[in-house]
PDB file of N, CA and C in Angstrom:
ATOM      1  N   MET A   1      22.925 -31.700   1.648  1.00  0.00           N
ATOM      2  CA  MET A   1      21.902 -31.567   0.626  1.00  0.00           C
ATOM      3  C   MET A   1      20.602 -31.130   1.299  1.00  0.00           C
ATOM      4  N   THR A   2      19.898 -30.240   0.653  1.00  0.00           N
ATOM      5  CA  THR A   2      18.648 -29.758   1.234  1.00  0.00           C
ATOM      6  C   THR A   2      17.475 -30.579   0.729  1.00  0.00           C
ATOM      7  N   GLU A   3      16.461 -30.617   1.530  1.00  0.00           N
ATOM      8  CA  GLU A   3      15.242 -31.323   1.168  1.00  0.00           C
ATOM      9  C   GLU A   3      14.437 -30.467   0.191  1.00  0.00           C
ATOM     10  N   PRO A   4      13.739 -31.097  -0.738  1.00  0.00           N
ATOM     11  CA  PRO A   4      12.871 -30.305  -1.615  1.00  0.00           C
ATOM     12  C   PRO A   4      11.813 -29.600  -0.770  1.00  0.00           C
ATOM     13  N   GLN A   5      11.500 -28.400  -1.151  1.00  0.00           N
ATOM     14  CA  GLN A   5      10.494 -27.654  -0.408  1.00  0.00           C
ATOM     15  C   GLN A   5       9.243 -27.530  -1.256  1.00  0.00           C
ATOM     16  N   GLN A   6       8.115 -27.589  -0.587  1.00  0.00           N
ATOM     17  CA  GLN A   6       6.846 -27.459  -1.275  1.00  0.00           C
ATOM     18  C   GLN A   6       6.051 -26.346  -0.627  1.00  0.00           C
ATOM     19  N   THR A   7       5.257 -25.714  -1.422  1.00  0.00           N
ATOM     20  CA  THR A   7       4.370 -24.681  -0.917  1.00  0.00           C
ATOM     21  C   THR A   7       2.948 -25.148  -1.154  1.00  0.00           C
ATOM     22  N   PHE A   8       2.153 -25.051  -0.122  1.00  0.00           N
ATOM     23  CA  PHE A   8       0.752 -25.441  -0.235  1.00  0.00           C
ATOM     24  C   PHE A   8      -0.115 -24.208  -0.044  1.00  0.00           C
ATOM     25  N   VAL A   9      -1.063 -24.039  -0.929  1.00  0.00           N
ATOM     26  CA  VAL A   9      -1.978 -22.914  -0.869  1.00  0.00           C
ATOM     27  C   VAL A   9      -3.393 -23.472  -0.807  1.00  0.00           C
ATOM     28  N   ASP A  10      -4.132 -23.027   0.182  1.00  0.00           N
ATOM     29  CA  ASP A  10      -5.542 -23.405   0.267  1.00  0.00           C
ATOM     30  C   ASP A  10      -6.352 -22.263  -0.335  1.00  0.00           C
ATOM     31  N   PRO A  11      -6.765 -22.398  -1.586  1.00  0.00           N
ATOM     32  CA  PRO A  11      -7.466 -21.310  -2.262  1.00  0.00           C
ATOM     33  C   PRO A  11      -8.727 -20.858  -1.526  1.00  0.00           C
ATOM     34  N   ASP A  12      -9.398 -21.795  -0.860  1.00  0.00           N
ATOM     35  CA  ASP A  12     -10.627 -21.433  -0.156  1.00  0.00           C
ATOM     36  C   ASP A  12     -10.361 -20.553   1.064  1.00  0.00           C
ATOM     37  N   LEU A  13      -9.149 -20.571   1.575  1.00  0.00           N
ATOM     38  CA  LEU A  13      -8.776 -19.677   2.676  1.00  0.00           C
ATOM     39  C   LEU A  13      -8.151 -18.374   2.165  1.00  0.00           C
ATOM     40  N   VAL A  14      -7.354 -18.482   1.124  1.00  0.00           N
ATOM     41  CA  VAL A  14      -6.613 -17.316   0.655  1.00  0.00           C
ATOM     42  C   VAL A  14      -7.505 -16.323  -0.082  1.00  0.00           C
ATOM     43  N   ARG A  15      -8.423 -16.813  -0.910  1.00  0.00           N
ATOM     44  CA  ARG A  15      -9.270 -15.879  -1.669  1.00  0.00           C
ATOM     45  C   ARG A  15     -10.043 -14.927  -0.748  1.00  0.00           C
ATOM     46  N   PRO A  16     -10.734 -15.438   0.285  1.00  0.00           N
ATOM     47  CA  PRO A  16     -11.433 -14.504   1.181  1.00  0.00           C
ATOM     48  C   PRO A  16     -10.468 -13.589   1.940  1.00  0.00           C
ATOM     49  N   ALA A  17      -9.301 -14.103   2.292  1.00  0.00           N
ATOM     50  CA  ALA A  17      -8.311 -13.268   2.986  1.00  0.00           C
ATOM     51  C   ALA A  17      -7.849 -12.133   2.079  1.00  0.00           C
ATOM     52  N   GLY A  18      -7.689 -12.407   0.802  1.00  0.00           N
ATOM     53  CA  GLY A  18      -7.326 -11.362  -0.152  1.00  0.00           C
ATOM     54  C   GLY A  18      -8.399 -10.292  -0.218  1.00  0.00           C
ATOM     55  N   ALA A  19      -9.647 -10.714  -0.187  1.00  0.00           N
ATOM     56  CA  ALA A  19     -10.753  -9.751  -0.215  1.00  0.00           C
ATOM     57  C   ALA A  19     -10.776  -8.911   1.061  1.00  0.00           C
ATOM     58  N   VAL A  20     -10.536  -9.538   2.210  1.00  0.00           N
ATOM     59  CA  VAL A  20     -10.494  -8.805   3.487  1.00  0.00           C
ATOM     60  C   VAL A  20      -9.347  -7.799   3.465  1.00  0.00           C
ATOM     61  N   LEU A  21      -8.195  -8.237   2.991  1.00  0.00           N
ATOM     62  CA  LEU A  21      -7.041  -7.346   2.910  1.00  0.00           C
ATOM     63  C   LEU A  21      -7.332  -6.183   1.964  1.00  0.00           C
ATOM     64  N   GLY A  22      -7.973  -6.474   0.860  1.00  0.00           N
ATOM     65  CA  GLY A  22      -8.350  -5.418  -0.074  1.00  0.00           C
ATOM     66  C   GLY A  22      -9.264  -4.390   0.569  1.00  0.00           C
ATOM     67  N   GLY A  23     -10.213  -4.852   1.383  1.00  0.00           N
ATOM     68  CA  GLY A  23     -11.101  -3.933   2.096  1.00  0.00           C
ATOM     69  C   GLY A  23     -10.349  -3.084   3.113  1.00  0.00           C
ATOM     70  N   ALA A  24      -9.395  -3.701   3.789  1.00  0.00           N
ATOM     71  CA  ALA A  24      -8.594  -2.962   4.771  1.00  0.00           C
ATOM     72  C   ALA A  24      -7.761  -1.881   4.081  1.00  0.00           C
ATOM     73  N   VAL A  25      -7.185  -2.212   2.942  1.00  0.00           N
ATOM     74  CA  VAL A  25      -6.396  -1.231   2.195  1.00  0.00           C
ATOM     75  C   VAL A  25      -7.295  -0.092   1.711  1.00  0.00           C
ATOM     76  N   GLU A  26      -8.495  -0.430   1.291  1.00  0.00           N
ATOM     77  CA  GLU A  26      -9.438   0.608   0.848  1.00  0.00           C
ATOM     78  C   GLU A  26      -9.760   1.573   1.989  1.00  0.00           C
ATOM     79  N   ARG A  27      -9.987   1.026   3.186  1.00  0.00           N
ATOM     80  CA  ARG A  27     -10.246   1.891   4.345  1.00  0.00           C
ATOM     81  C   ARG A  27      -9.021   2.725   4.699  1.00  0.00           C
ATOM     82  N   LEU A  28      -7.842   2.109   4.661  1.00  0.00           N
ATOM     83  CA  LEU A  28      -6.600   2.825   4.931  1.00  0.00           C
ATOM     84  C   LEU A  28      -6.411   3.965   3.930  1.00  0.00           C
ATOM     85  N   SER A  29      -6.659   3.689   2.681  1.00  0.00           N
ATOM     86  CA  SER A  29      -6.518   4.709   1.637  1.00  0.00           C
ATOM     87  C   SER A  29      -7.463   5.884   1.886  1.00  0.00           C
ATOM     88  N   GLY A  30      -8.696   5.587   2.264  1.00  0.00           N
ATOM     89  CA  GLY A  30      -9.651   6.653   2.559  1.00  0.00           C
ATOM     90  C   GLY A  30      -9.208   7.507   3.734  1.00  0.00           C
ATOM     91  N   GLU A  31      -8.727   6.846   4.777  1.00  0.00           N
ATOM     92  CA  GLU A  31      -8.248   7.583   5.956  1.00  0.00           C
ATOM     93  C   GLU A  31      -7.008   8.404   5.616  1.00  0.00           C
ATOM     94  N   TRP A  32      -6.103   7.832   4.832  1.00  0.00           N
ATOM     95  CA  TRP A  32      -4.901   8.555   4.428  1.00  0.00           C
ATOM     96  C   TRP A  32      -5.285   9.818   3.655  1.00  0.00           C
ATOM     97  N   THR A  33      -6.213   9.678   2.743  1.00  0.00           N
ATOM     98  CA  THR A  33      -6.663  10.834   1.954  1.00  0.00           C
ATOM     99  C   THR A  33      -7.258  11.906   2.855  1.00  0.00           C
ATOM    100  N   ARG A  34      -8.076  11.476   3.796  1.00  0.00           N
ATOM    101  CA  ARG A  34      -8.716  12.424   4.713  1.00  0.00           C
ATOM    102  C   ARG A  34      -7.673  13.126   5.585  1.00  0.00           C
ATOM    103  N   LEU A  35      -6.771  12.355   6.163  1.00  0.00           N
ATOM    104  CA  LEU A  35      -5.775  12.930   7.063  1.00  0.00           C
ATOM    105  C   LEU A  35      -4.777  13.833   6.331  1.00  0.00           C
ATOM    106  N   THR A  36      -4.346  13.410   5.164  1.00  0.00           N
ATOM    107  CA  THR A  36      -3.380  14.240   4.439  1.00  0.00           C
ATOM    108  C   THR A  36      -4.025  15.527   3.936  1.00  0.00           C
ATOM    109  N   ALA A  37      -5.309  15.483   3.621  1.00  0.00           N
ATOM    110  CA  ALA A  37      -5.996  16.724   3.236  1.00  0.00           C
ATOM    111  C   ALA A  37      -5.994  17.698   4.413  1.00  0.00           C
ATOM    112  N   THR A  38      -6.225  17.176   5.611  1.00  0.00           N
ATOM    113  CA  THR A  38      -6.183  18.015   6.809  1.00  0.00           C
ATOM    114  C   THR A  38      -4.783  18.580   7.022  1.00  0.00           C
ATOM    115  N   ILE A  39      -3.774  17.734   6.906  1.00  0.00           N
ATOM    116  CA  ILE A  39      -2.387  18.175   7.093  1.00  0.00           C
ATOM    117  C   ILE A  39      -2.002  19.220   6.053  1.00  0.00           C
ATOM    118  N   ARG A  40      -2.349  18.956   4.814  1.00  0.00           N
ATOM    119  CA  ARG A  40      -2.015  19.919   3.753  1.00  0.00           C
ATOM    120  C   ARG A  40      -2.723  21.255   3.985  1.00  0.00           C
ATOM    121  N   GLY A  41      -3.971  21.195   4.449  1.00  0.00           N
ATOM    122  CA  GLY A  41      -4.693  22.428   4.766  1.00  0.00           C
ATOM    123  C   GLY A  41      -4.034  23.195   5.899  1.00  0.00           C
ATOM    124  N   LEU A  42      -3.622  22.476   6.922  1.00  0.00           N
ATOM    125  CA  LEU A  42      -2.926  23.126   8.039  1.00  0.00           C
ATOM    126  C   LEU A  42      -1.583  23.698   7.592  1.00  0.00           C
ATOM    127  N   ASN A  43      -0.877  22.942   6.770  1.00  0.00           N
ATOM    128  CA  ASN A  43       0.400  23.440   6.262  1.00  0.00           C
ATOM    129  C   ASN A  43       0.202  24.728   5.464  1.00  0.00           C
ATOM    130  N   ALA A  44      -0.832  24.761   4.643  1.00  0.00           N
ATOM    131  CA  ALA A  44      -1.094  25.954   3.832  1.00  0.00           C
ATOM    132  C   ALA A  44      -1.432  27.159   4.709  1.00  0.00           C
ATOM    133  N   ALA A  45      -2.092  26.913   5.854  1.00  0.00           N
ATOM    134  CA  ALA A  45      -2.463  28.005   6.760  1.00  0.00           C
ATOM    135  C   ALA A  45      -1.272  28.502   7.577  1.00  0.00           C
ATOM    136  N   ARG A  46      -0.228  27.695   7.639  1.00  0.00           N
ATOM    137  CA  ARG A  46       0.991  28.046   8.390  1.00  0.00           C
ATOM    138  C   ARG A  46       0.663  28.548   9.806  1.00  0.00           C
ATOM    139  N   PRO A  47       0.083  27.683  10.615  1.00  0.00           N
ATOM    140  CA  PRO A  47      -0.337  28.098  11.958  1.00  0.00           C
ATOM    141  C   PRO A  47       0.824  28.429  12.894  1.00  0.00           C
ATOM    142  N   TRP A  48       2.037  28.134  12.494  1.00  0.00           N
ATOM    143  CA  TRP A  48       3.201  28.435  13.332  1.00  0.00           C
ATOM    144  C   TRP A  48       3.584  29.907  13.265  1.00  0.00           C
ATOM    145  N   GLY A  49       2.921  30.656  12.406  1.00  0.00           N
ATOM    146  CA  GLY A  49       3.107  32.105  12.376  1.00  0.00           C
ATOM    147  C   GLY A  49       4.185  32.579  11.420  1.00  0.00           C
ATOM    148  N   ASP A  50       4.298  33.899  11.368  1.00  0.00           N
ATOM    149  CA  ASP A  50       5.242  34.510  10.441  1.00  0.00           C
ATOM    150  C   ASP A  50       6.324  35.311  11.177  1.00  0.00           C
ATOM    151  N   ASP A  51       6.441  35.033  12.478  1.00  0.00           N
ATOM    152  CA  ASP A  51       7.527  35.691  13.215  1.00  0.00           C
ATOM    153  C   ASP A  51       8.834  34.957  12.910  1.00  0.00           C
ATOM    154  N   GLU A  52       9.896  35.341  13.555  1.00  0.00           N
ATOM    155  CA  GLU A  52      11.204  34.732  13.270  1.00  0.00           C
ATOM    156  C   GLU A  52      11.189  33.227  13.510  1.00  0.00           C
ATOM    157  N   ALA A  53      10.605  32.795  14.612  1.00  0.00           N
ATOM    158  CA  ALA A  53      10.541  31.356  14.923  1.00  0.00           C
ATOM    159  C   ALA A  53       9.671  30.626  13.896  1.00  0.00           C
ATOM    160  N   GLY A  54       8.560  31.224  13.523  1.00  0.00           N
ATOM    161  CA  GLY A  54       7.674  30.620  12.534  1.00  0.00           C
ATOM    162  C   GLY A  54       8.347  30.476  11.183  1.00  0.00           C
ATOM    163  N   ARG A  55       9.067  31.511  10.767  1.00  0.00           N
ATOM    164  CA  ARG A  55       9.784  31.454   9.485  1.00  0.00           C
ATOM    165  C   ARG A  55      10.891  30.390   9.528  1.00  0.00           C
ATOM    166  N   ALA A  56      11.573  30.278  10.655  1.00  0.00           N
ATOM    167  CA  ALA A  56      12.621  29.259  10.793  1.00  0.00           C
ATOM    168  C   ALA A  56      12.024  27.854  10.720  1.00  0.00           C
ATOM    169  N   PHE A  57      10.896  27.678  11.406  1.00  0.00           N
ATOM    170  CA  PHE A  57      10.219  26.374  11.350  1.00  0.00           C
ATOM    171  C   PHE A  57       9.826  26.055   9.911  1.00  0.00           C
ATOM    172  N   ASN A  58       9.186  27.020   9.256  1.00  0.00           N
ATOM    173  CA  ASN A  58       8.730  26.830   7.881  1.00  0.00           C
ATOM    174  C   ASN A  58       9.892  26.496   6.957  1.00  0.00           C
ATOM    175  N   GLU A  59      11.011  27.154   7.157  1.00  0.00           N
ATOM    176  CA  GLU A  59      12.177  26.923   6.318  1.00  0.00           C
ATOM    177  C   GLU A  59      12.631  25.466   6.391  1.00  0.00           C
ATOM    178  N   HIS A  60      12.534  24.876   7.573  1.00  0.00           N
ATOM    179  CA  HIS A  60      12.996  23.500   7.753  1.00  0.00           C
ATOM    180  C   HIS A  60      11.903  22.464   7.556  1.00  0.00           C
ATOM    181  N   TYR A  61      10.659  22.892   7.515  1.00  0.00           N
ATOM    182  CA  TYR A  61       9.537  21.953   7.415  1.00  0.00           C
ATOM    183  C   TYR A  61       8.916  21.932   6.020  1.00  0.00           C
ATOM    184  N   LEU A  62       8.664  23.089   5.440  1.00  0.00           N
ATOM    185  CA  LEU A  62       7.977  23.155   4.152  1.00  0.00           C
ATOM    186  C   LEU A  62       8.860  23.601   2.993  1.00  0.00           C
ATOM    187  N   ASP A  63       9.757  24.529   3.262  1.00  0.00           N
ATOM    188  CA  ASP A  63      10.589  25.018   2.170  1.00  0.00           C
ATOM    189  C   ASP A  63      11.587  23.943   1.751  1.00  0.00           C
ATOM    190  N   GLY A  64      12.022  24.011   0.555  1.00  0.00           N
ATOM    191  CA  GLY A  64      12.965  23.010   0.062  1.00  0.00           C
ATOM    192  C   GLY A  64      12.374  22.169  -1.042  1.00  0.00           C
ATOM    193  N   GLY A  65      11.179  22.541  -1.504  1.00  0.00           N
ATOM    194  CA  GLY A  65      10.570  21.824  -2.623  1.00  0.00           C
ATOM    195  C   GLY A  65      10.308  20.367  -2.312  1.00  0.00           C
ATOM    196  N   ASP A  66      10.715  19.502  -3.233  1.00  0.00           N
ATOM    197  CA  ASP A  66      10.445  18.070  -3.091  1.00  0.00           C
ATOM    198  C   ASP A  66      11.240  17.414  -1.972  1.00  0.00           C
ATOM    199  N   GLU A  67      12.258  18.105  -1.449  1.00  0.00           N
ATOM    200  CA  GLU A  67      13.084  17.533  -0.396  1.00  0.00           C
ATOM    201  C   GLU A  67      12.690  18.012   0.996  1.00  0.00           C
ATOM    202  N   ALA A  68      11.668  18.868   1.082  1.00  0.00           N
ATOM    203  CA  ALA A  68      11.208  19.348   2.384  1.00  0.00           C
ATOM    204  C   ALA A  68      10.613  18.177   3.159  1.00  0.00           C
ATOM    205  N   PRO A  69      10.861  18.106   4.479  1.00  0.00           N
ATOM    206  CA  PRO A  69      10.351  16.989   5.273  1.00  0.00           C
ATOM    207  C   PRO A  69       8.845  16.759   5.121  1.00  0.00           C
ATOM    208  N   ALA A  70       8.082  17.824   5.083  1.00  0.00           N
ATOM    209  CA  ALA A  70       6.625  17.659   4.941  1.00  0.00           C
ATOM    210  C   ALA A  70       6.296  16.980   3.618  1.00  0.00           C
ATOM    211  N   ALA A  71       6.903  17.447   2.534  1.00  0.00           N
ATOM    212  CA  ALA A  71       6.631  16.877   1.210  1.00  0.00           C
ATOM    213  C   ALA A  71       7.114  15.430   1.124  1.00  0.00           C
ATOM    214  N   VAL A  72       8.305  15.172   1.647  1.00  0.00           N
ATOM    215  CA  VAL A  72       8.868  13.820   1.592  1.00  0.00           C
ATOM    216  C   VAL A  72       7.969  12.837   2.333  1.00  0.00           C
ATOM    217  N   THR A  73       7.518  13.214   3.509  1.00  0.00           N
ATOM    218  CA  THR A  73       6.677  12.335   4.322  1.00  0.00           C
ATOM    219  C   THR A  73       5.337  12.062   3.656  1.00  0.00           C
ATOM    220  N   LEU A  74       4.672  13.118   3.201  1.00  0.00           N
ATOM    221  CA  LEU A  74       3.369  12.939   2.573  1.00  0.00           C
ATOM    222  C   LEU A  74       3.488  12.191   1.250  1.00  0.00           C
ATOM    223  N   ASP A  75       4.505  12.488   0.469  1.00  0.00           N
ATOM    224  CA  ASP A  75       4.706  11.787  -0.797  1.00  0.00           C
ATOM    225  C   ASP A  75       5.003  10.304  -0.570  1.00  0.00           C
ATOM    226  N   ALA A  76       5.793   9.995   0.458  1.00  0.00           N
ATOM    227  CA  ALA A  76       6.103   8.595   0.761  1.00  0.00           C
ATOM    228  C   ALA A  76       4.835   7.834   1.140  1.00  0.00           C
ATOM    229  N   GLY A  77       3.975   8.480   1.921  1.00  0.00           N
ATOM    230  CA  GLY A  77       2.699   7.849   2.267  1.00  0.00           C
ATOM    231  C   GLY A  77       1.835   7.630   1.048  1.00  0.00           C
ATOM    232  N   ASP A  78       1.775   8.623   0.163  1.00  0.00           N
ATOM    233  CA  ASP A  78       1.008   8.475  -1.082  1.00  0.00           C
ATOM    234  C   ASP A  78       1.534   7.303  -1.911  1.00  0.00           C
ATOM    235  N   GLU A  79       2.850   7.191  -1.994  1.00  0.00           N
ATOM    236  CA  GLU A  79       3.463   6.104  -2.764  1.00  0.00           C
ATOM    237  C   GLU A  79       3.186   4.743  -2.127  1.00  0.00           C
ATOM    238  N   LEU A  80       3.216   4.681  -0.808  1.00  0.00           N
ATOM    239  CA  LEU A  80       2.917   3.429  -0.116  1.00  0.00           C
ATOM    240  C   LEU A  80       1.481   2.995  -0.381  1.00  0.00           C
ATOM    241  N   ILE A  81       0.548   3.915  -0.248  1.00  0.00           N
ATOM    242  CA  ILE A  81      -0.858   3.595  -0.497  1.00  0.00           C
ATOM    243  C   ILE A  81      -1.035   3.117  -1.940  1.00  0.00           C
ATOM    244  N   ALA A  82      -0.403   3.794  -2.894  1.00  0.00           N
ATOM    245  CA  ALA A  82      -0.506   3.386  -4.298  1.00  0.00           C
ATOM    246  C   ALA A  82       0.083   1.991  -4.512  1.00  0.00           C
ATOM    247  N   ALA A  83       1.166   1.689  -3.807  1.00  0.00           N
ATOM    248  CA  ALA A  83       1.837   0.390  -3.977  1.00  0.00           C
ATOM    249  C   ALA A  83       1.000  -0.764  -3.447  1.00  0.00           C
ATOM    250  N   ILE A  84       0.237  -0.534  -2.395  1.00  0.00           N
ATOM    251  CA  ILE A  84      -0.554  -1.630  -1.816  1.00  0.00           C
ATOM    252  C   ILE A  84      -2.018  -1.558  -2.207  1.00  0.00           C
ATOM    253  N   ASP A  85      -2.372  -0.597  -3.049  1.00  0.00           N
ATOM    254  CA  ASP A  85      -3.763  -0.362  -3.405  1.00  0.00           C
ATOM    255  C   ASP A  85      -4.482  -1.616  -3.886  1.00  0.00           C
ATOM    256  N   ASP A  86      -3.838  -2.393  -4.723  1.00  0.00           N
ATOM    257  CA  ASP A  86      -4.507  -3.566  -5.287  1.00  0.00           C
ATOM    258  C   ASP A  86      -3.932  -4.888  -4.785  1.00  0.00           C
ATOM    259  N   VAL A  87      -3.341  -4.872  -3.595  1.00  0.00           N
ATOM    260  CA  VAL A  87      -2.694  -6.084  -3.076  1.00  0.00           C
ATOM    261  C   VAL A  87      -3.688  -7.234  -2.903  1.00  0.00           C
ATOM    262  N   GLY A  88      -4.891  -6.946  -2.447  1.00  0.00           N
ATOM    263  CA  GLY A  88      -5.887  -8.001  -2.291  1.00  0.00           C
ATOM    264  C   GLY A  88      -6.230  -8.656  -3.611  1.00  0.00           C
ATOM    265  N   VAL A  89      -6.425  -7.831  -4.639  1.00  0.00           N
ATOM    266  CA  VAL A  89      -6.731  -8.342  -5.979  1.00  0.00           C
ATOM    267  C   VAL A  89      -5.563  -9.172  -6.507  1.00  0.00           C
ATOM    268  N   ARG A  90      -4.336  -8.695  -6.266  1.00  0.00           N
ATOM    269  CA  ARG A  90      -3.155  -9.432  -6.742  1.00  0.00           C
ATOM    270  C   ARG A  90      -3.025 -10.776  -6.046  1.00  0.00           C
ATOM    271  N   ILE A  91      -3.354 -10.828  -4.763  1.00  0.00           N
ATOM    272  CA  ILE A  91      -3.279 -12.103  -4.038  1.00  0.00           C
ATOM    273  C   ILE A  91      -4.277 -13.091  -4.620  1.00  0.00           C
ATOM    274  N   VAL A  92      -5.518 -12.658  -4.790  1.00  0.00           N
ATOM    275  CA  VAL A  92      -6.546 -13.543  -5.343  1.00  0.00           C
ATOM    276  C   VAL A  92      -6.162 -13.980  -6.755  1.00  0.00           C
ATOM    277  N   SER A  93      -5.665 -13.065  -7.557  1.00  0.00           N
ATOM    278  CA  SER A  93      -5.243 -13.387  -8.918  1.00  0.00           C
ATOM    279  C   SER A  93      -4.095 -14.402  -8.917  1.00  0.00           C
ATOM    280  N   SER A  94      -3.165 -14.243  -7.989  1.00  0.00           N
ATOM    281  CA  SER A  94      -2.044 -15.192  -7.894  1.00  0.00           C
ATOM    282  C   SER A  94      -2.527 -16.577  -7.526  1.00  0.00           C
ATOM    283  N   VAL A  95      -3.465 -16.637  -6.587  1.00  0.00           N
ATOM    284  CA  VAL A  95      -4.021 -17.945  -6.198  1.00  0.00           C
ATOM    285  C   VAL A  95      -4.749 -18.571  -7.378  1.00  0.00           C
ATOM    286  N   ASP A  96      -5.549 -17.775  -8.071  1.00  0.00           N
ATOM    287  CA  ASP A  96      -6.268 -18.302  -9.232  1.00  0.00           C
ATOM    288  C   ASP A  96      -5.292 -18.811 -10.290  1.00  0.00           C
ATOM    289  N   GLY A  97      -4.205 -18.073 -10.517  1.00  0.00           N
ATOM    290  CA  GLY A  97      -3.190 -18.515 -11.474  1.00  0.00           C
ATOM    291  C   GLY A  97      -2.518 -19.805 -11.048  1.00  0.00           C
ATOM    292  N   THR A  98      -2.253 -19.931  -9.754  1.00  0.00           N
ATOM    293  CA  THR A  98      -1.642 -21.160  -9.233  1.00  0.00           C
ATOM    294  C   THR A  98      -2.576 -22.347  -9.424  1.00  0.00           C
ATOM    295  N   VAL A  99      -3.848 -22.142  -9.104  1.00  0.00           N
ATOM    296  CA  VAL A  99      -4.841 -23.212  -9.277  1.00  0.00           C
ATOM    297  C   VAL A  99      -4.947 -23.593 -10.754  1.00  0.00           C
ATOM    298  N   ASP A 100      -5.000 -22.606 -11.637  1.00  0.00           N
ATOM    299  CA  ASP A 100      -5.073 -22.889 -13.078  1.00  0.00           C
ATOM    300  C   ASP A 100      -3.847 -23.673 -13.543  1.00  0.00           C
ATOM    301  N   ASP A 101      -2.657 -23.274 -13.072  1.00  0.00           N
ATOM    302  CA  ASP A 101      -1.430 -23.993 -13.445  1.00  0.00           C
ATOM    303  C   ASP A 101      -1.458 -25.424 -12.935  1.00  0.00           C
ATOM    304  N   ASP A 102      -1.864 -25.596 -11.686  1.00  0.00           N
ATOM    305  CA  ASP A 102      -1.947 -26.951 -11.122  1.00  0.00           C
ATOM    306  C   ASP A 102      -2.927 -27.811 -11.910  1.00  0.00           C
ATOM    307  N   ASP A 103      -4.073 -27.230 -12.278  1.00  0.00           N
ATOM    308  CA  ASP A 103      -5.066 -27.973 -13.058  1.00  0.00           C
ATOM    309  C   ASP A 103      -4.506 -28.356 -14.430  1.00  0.00           C
ATOM    310  N   ALA A 104      -3.777 -27.432 -15.062  1.00  0.00           N
ATOM    311  CA  ALA A 104      -3.193 -27.715 -16.373  1.00  0.00           C
ATOM    312  C   ALA A 104      -2.153 -28.832 -16.276  1.00  0.00           C
ATOM    313  N   VAL A 105      -1.325 -28.794 -15.240  1.00  0.00           N
ATOM    314  CA  VAL A 105      -0.318 -29.847 -15.054  1.00  0.00           C
ATOM    315  C   VAL A 105      -1.003 -31.178 -14.784  1.00  0.00           C
ATOM    316  N   SER A 106      -2.016 -31.156 -13.941  1.00  0.00           N
ATOM    317  CA  SER A 106      -2.749 -32.379 -13.624  1.00  0.00           C
ATOM    318  C   SER A 106      -3.374 -32.970 -14.878  1.00  0.00           C
ATOM    319  N   THR A 107      -3.990 -32.112 -15.689  1.00  0.00           N
ATOM    320  CA  THR A 107      -4.626 -32.563 -16.929  1.00  0.00           C
ATOM    321  C   THR A 107      -3.589 -33.149 -17.885  1.00  0.00           C
ATOM    322  N   SER A 108      -2.428 -32.516 -17.956  1.00  0.00           N
ATOM    323  CA  SER A 108      -1.405 -33.009 -18.879  1.00  0.00           C
ATOM    324  C   SER A 108      -0.873 -34.377 -18.467  1.00  0.00           C
ATOM    325  N   PHE A 109      -1.020 -34.737 -17.188  1.00  0.00           N
ATOM    326  CA  PHE A 109      -0.592 -36.052 -16.715  1.00  0.00           C
ATOM    327  C   PHE A 109      -1.756 -37.010 -16.573  1.00  0.00           C
ATOM    328  N   GLY A 110      -2.894 -36.636 -17.156  1.00  0.00           N
ATOM    329  CA  GLY A 110      -4.040 -37.550 -17.194  1.00  0.00           C
ATOM    330  C   GLY A 110      -4.971 -37.440 -16.008  1.00  0.00           C
ATOM    331  N   GLY A 111      -4.788 -36.426 -15.166  1.00  0.00           N
ATOM    332  CA  GLY A 111      -5.691 -36.242 -14.020  1.00  0.00           C
ATOM    333  C   GLY A 111      -6.920 -35.471 -14.419  1.00  0.00           C
ATOM    334  N   LYS A 112      -7.758 -35.230 -13.469  1.00  0.00           N
ATOM    335  CA  LYS A 112      -9.010 -34.473 -13.634  1.00  0.00           C
ATOM    336  C   LYS A 112      -9.566 -34.579 -15.014  1.00  0.00           C
TER     337      LYS A 112
END
């Protein structure tokens, strides 16, 4: 038989950590936008040339629509940034919800 498990959350520690994480994600998002703009600009310029080797490189790097390695990589990064964009806010919101639930349970049993 397993022992009951409990989770303890210190809201005074987690809320500021959520804000710090949110700031880090914001900086990451800004850098991602800046770097991908540079990459997309370089890709559009096709600095590898238009000779046979350049065309072969382009065929395997950019051509292929949504399945081209360049598109897949950049799109995956965009999706990752979008997925974690509001993680700090979600953490703080989750802690607030947990605290509210605990307070409601406590009140229902005659506490606080």
